[in-house]
Amino acid sequence: MGRRSDHTREELQELLVSLGHVLLAQTGLARFSGREVAKQAGYSVGTIYNVFGSLDHLIVAINSRSFEIWAQQLRTRLDTGGADRIGSLVAAYFDFAQENPHLWSAIYEHHLPADFALPPQDEERRAALTGIVEREIRAALPDGSTTDIALLTRSLIAVVHGHCSLAVTGSFALMGVDDPLGCALARVREILSAHGYRTSQ
């Protein structure tokens, strides 16, 4: 029987997200089970629907937790990585994906219904990571640049993501590419250089 009086709603939300985050890191999205999360928490699976409204909402909250951790790793790398801040960003992207392959993949594998409205708190958590990258790209380009920084940021993220995806899945290794991080960083520098970026790295 579920222990419905053991936690407040807020405590239960945190418990389910925390347990779900650990389980997702172990299983990946394809084998993720809301029933197992509820079981580990000591509740029935119906509790997930009572608290979050749907399993999709729980997975969104878990993925948003991943975004928060990822963003903090980017901040830490920028604080400790020295003068090459663009290099630090790209390396931090790869590090998170390679150290947390199931969590990273779940962010992109979780497809939401067309009518699903992302809760505002989740939008904010997810936007923080892109915001970090956007600020660094803005700072790297010359003052007065007319480049659309928001669009450039998202294009560069797509470039790094593609390289990282092929690295994580092992596809680059099959193609004989032994430094996907270096390849991704080279492409990013080439694109930024076309917009006025200059570096001695």
Protein backbone atom coordinates (compact mmCIF):
# COMPACT_ATOMS: atom_id res chain seq x y z
CA MET A 1 0.00 0.00 0.00
CA GLY A 2 1.30 3.50 -0.84
CA ARG A 3 2.53 5.73 1.96
CA ARG A 4 0.54 8.74 0.82
CA SER A 5 0.87 10.67 4.11
CA ASP A 6 4.65 10.28 4.44
CA HIS A 7 5.61 13.27 2.29
CA THR A 8 4.28 16.66 1.29
CA ARG A 9 3.56 17.15 -2.40
CA GLU A 10 6.80 19.10 -2.83
CA GLU A 11 8.82 16.44 -1.01
CA LEU A 12 7.23 13.74 -3.14
CA GLN A 13 8.04 15.63 -6.34
CA GLU A 14 11.68 15.85 -5.31
CA LEU A 15 11.79 12.21 -4.23
CA LEU A 16 10.36 10.94 -7.52
CA VAL A 17 12.61 13.17 -9.64
CA SER A 18 15.71 12.16 -7.67
CA LEU A 19 14.95 8.45 -7.85
CA GLY A 20 13.91 8.76 -11.48
CA HIS A 21 17.13 10.54 -12.34
CA VAL A 22 19.20 7.74 -10.86
CA LEU A 23 17.12 5.07 -12.59
CA LEU A 24 17.26 6.85 -15.96
CA ALA A 25 21.05 7.09 -15.70
CA GLN A 26 21.15 3.32 -15.20
CA THR A 27 18.58 2.14 -17.73
CA GLY A 28 18.26 4.74 -20.46
CA LEU A 29 14.91 6.04 -21.69
CA ALA A 30 13.88 2.88 -23.57
CA ARG A 31 13.91 0.76 -20.39
CA PHE A 32 12.83 3.50 -17.99
CA SER A 33 9.84 2.56 -15.84
CA GLY A 34 7.64 4.96 -13.94
CA ARG A 35 6.28 2.00 -12.03
CA GLU A 36 9.80 1.18 -10.84
CA VAL A 37 10.37 4.77 -9.72
CA ALA A 38 7.16 4.72 -7.71
CA LYS A 39 8.05 1.32 -6.26
CA GLN A 40 11.44 2.56 -5.10
CA ALA A 41 9.73 5.53 -3.46
CA GLY A 42 7.27 3.21 -1.69
CA TYR A 43 4.22 4.45 -3.56
CA SER A 44 1.90 3.14 -6.27
CA VAL A 45 2.44 4.19 -9.89
CA GLY A 46 -0.74 6.25 -9.66
CA THR A 47 1.15 8.65 -7.41
CA ILE A 48 3.19 9.82 -10.41
CA TYR A 49 0.00 10.84 -12.19
CA ASN A 50 -1.40 12.48 -9.07
CA VAL A 51 1.77 14.53 -8.54
CA PHE A 52 2.96 15.25 -12.09
CA GLY A 53 -0.14 14.68 -14.22
CA SER A 54 1.57 12.25 -16.58
CA LEU A 55 4.69 10.15 -17.03
CA ASP A 56 5.82 12.66 -19.67
CA HIS A 57 5.81 15.41 -17.05
CA LEU A 58 7.97 13.29 -14.74
CA ILE A 59 10.47 12.59 -17.52
CA VAL A 60 10.52 16.29 -18.41
CA ALA A 61 11.35 17.11 -14.79
CA ILE A 62 14.09 14.46 -14.73
CA ASN A 63 15.58 15.79 -17.97
CA SER A 64 15.44 19.31 -16.58
CA ARG A 65 17.48 18.07 -13.62
CA SER A 66 20.05 16.82 -16.14
CA PHE A 67 20.11 20.25 -17.76
CA GLU A 68 20.80 21.84 -14.36
CA ILE A 69 23.71 19.49 -13.66
CA TRP A 70 25.06 19.99 -17.17
CA ALA A 71 24.89 23.78 -16.88
CA GLN A 72 26.76 23.68 -13.58
CA GLN A 73 29.46 21.56 -15.17
CA LEU A 74 29.82 24.16 -17.92
CA ARG A 75 30.15 26.94 -15.33
CA THR A 76 32.77 24.97 -13.42
CA ARG A 77 34.76 24.25 -16.57
CA LEU A 78 34.65 27.91 -17.58
CA ASP A 79 35.86 28.92 -14.11
CA THR A 80 38.77 26.47 -14.14
CA GLY A 81 39.58 25.93 -17.82
CA GLY A 82 41.82 28.92 -18.46
CA ALA A 83 41.75 31.45 -21.26
CA ASP A 84 40.32 29.20 -23.99
CA ARG A 85 36.69 29.51 -22.98
CA ILE A 86 35.33 28.24 -26.30
CA GLY A 87 37.50 25.14 -25.92
CA SER A 88 36.20 24.73 -22.38
CA LEU A 89 32.59 24.86 -23.57
CA VAL A 90 33.07 22.21 -26.24
CA ALA A 91 35.03 19.95 -23.88
CA ALA A 92 32.37 20.29 -21.18
CA TYR A 93 29.66 19.30 -23.68
CA PHE A 94 31.57 16.15 -24.57
CA ASP A 95 32.36 15.37 -20.93
CA PHE A 96 28.74 15.42 -19.83
CA ALA A 97 27.61 13.22 -22.72
CA GLN A 98 30.41 10.70 -22.31
CA GLU A 99 30.11 10.52 -18.52
CA ASN A 100 26.28 10.36 -18.55
CA PRO A 101 25.32 8.72 -21.86
CA HIS A 102 21.82 7.62 -20.81
CA LEU A 103 20.92 10.97 -19.25
CA TRP A 104 22.30 12.87 -22.24
CA SER A 105 20.52 10.66 -24.77
CA ALA A 106 17.22 10.86 -22.91
CA ILE A 107 17.13 14.62 -23.37
CA TYR A 108 16.93 14.15 -27.14
CA GLU A 109 15.06 10.84 -27.25
CA HIS A 110 12.07 12.00 -25.21
CA HIS A 111 9.51 13.12 -27.78
CA LEU A 112 6.58 15.06 -26.36
CA PRO A 113 3.02 15.13 -27.67
CA ALA A 114 2.28 18.01 -30.03
CA ASP A 115 -0.06 19.65 -27.53
CA PHE A 116 2.32 19.31 -24.57
CA ALA A 117 3.11 22.63 -22.89
CA LEU A 118 6.51 22.64 -21.22
CA PRO A 119 6.10 23.98 -17.67
CA PRO A 120 7.71 27.43 -17.23
CA GLN A 121 10.14 26.19 -14.57
CA ASP A 122 11.42 23.54 -16.98
CA GLU A 123 11.80 26.06 -19.79
CA GLU A 124 13.89 28.21 -17.47
CA ARG A 125 16.14 25.32 -16.40
CA ARG A 126 16.75 24.27 -19.99
CA ALA A 127 17.34 27.80 -21.24
CA ALA A 128 20.11 28.32 -18.69
CA LEU A 129 22.47 26.01 -20.54
CA THR A 130 21.93 27.66 -23.92
CA GLY A 131 22.26 31.03 -22.20
CA ILE A 132 25.74 30.16 -20.94
CA VAL A 133 26.87 29.23 -24.45
CA GLU A 134 25.25 32.31 -25.96
CA ARG A 135 27.01 34.66 -23.53
CA GLU A 136 30.40 33.10 -24.28
CA ILE A 137 29.90 33.35 -28.03
CA ARG A 138 28.78 36.95 -27.71
CA ALA A 139 31.90 37.74 -25.67
CA ALA A 140 34.15 35.96 -28.19
CA LEU A 141 33.02 38.03 -31.18
CA PRO A 142 34.17 41.59 -31.90
CA ASP A 143 32.26 44.51 -30.42
CA GLY A 144 29.67 45.77 -32.86
CA SER A 145 29.27 42.42 -34.60
CA THR A 146 26.05 42.22 -36.59
CA THR A 147 25.88 38.43 -36.27
CA ASP A 148 22.61 36.97 -35.03
CA ILE A 149 24.13 35.54 -31.85
CA ALA A 150 21.08 33.50 -30.85
CA LEU A 151 20.91 31.76 -34.22
CA LEU A 152 24.68 31.23 -34.37
CA THR A 153 24.64 29.74 -30.88
CA ARG A 154 22.06 27.16 -31.80
CA SER A 155 23.86 26.26 -35.02
CA LEU A 156 27.12 25.76 -33.14
CA ILE A 157 25.38 23.62 -30.53
CA ALA A 158 24.05 21.49 -33.39
CA VAL A 159 27.57 21.09 -34.80
CA VAL A 160 28.98 19.98 -31.44
CA HIS A 161 25.98 17.76 -30.76
CA GLY A 162 26.42 15.94 -34.05
CA HIS A 163 30.08 15.24 -33.39
CA CYS A 164 29.33 14.20 -29.82
CA SER A 165 26.52 11.87 -30.87
CA LEU A 166 28.78 10.05 -33.31
CA ALA A 167 31.44 9.78 -30.62
CA VAL A 168 29.11 8.43 -27.93
CA THR A 169 27.57 5.83 -30.27
CA GLY A 170 30.98 4.69 -31.50
CA SER A 171 30.29 5.71 -35.10
CA PHE A 172 33.33 7.98 -35.30
CA ALA A 173 35.57 5.12 -34.18
CA LEU A 174 34.20 2.97 -36.99
CA MET A 175 35.10 5.74 -39.41
CA GLY A 176 38.64 5.87 -38.07
CA VAL A 177 38.23 9.24 -36.34
CA ASP A 178 40.14 9.11 -33.06
CA ASP A 179 39.67 12.73 -31.91
CA PRO A 180 36.01 13.74 -32.29
CA LEU A 181 36.39 16.45 -29.65
CA GLY A 182 39.24 18.00 -31.64
CA CYS A 183 37.19 17.79 -34.82
CA ALA A 184 34.19 19.47 -33.19
CA LEU A 185 36.34 22.25 -31.73
CA ALA A 186 38.04 22.85 -35.09
CA ARG A 187 34.67 23.23 -36.83
CA VAL A 188 33.43 25.61 -34.11
CA ARG A 189 36.57 27.75 -34.42
CA GLU A 190 36.22 27.83 -38.22
CA ILE A 191 32.63 29.04 -38.00
CA LEU A 192 33.40 31.62 -35.33
CA SER A 193 36.40 32.86 -37.32
CA ALA A 194 34.07 33.61 -40.24
CA HIS A 195 32.28 35.96 -37.85
CA GLY A 196 35.42 37.74 -36.66
CA TYR A 197 36.64 35.49 -33.86
CA ARG A 198 40.41 35.40 -33.43
CA THR A 199 42.32 33.07 -31.13
CA SER A 200 45.86 31.95 -30.51
CA GLN A 201 44.67 28.54 -29.28
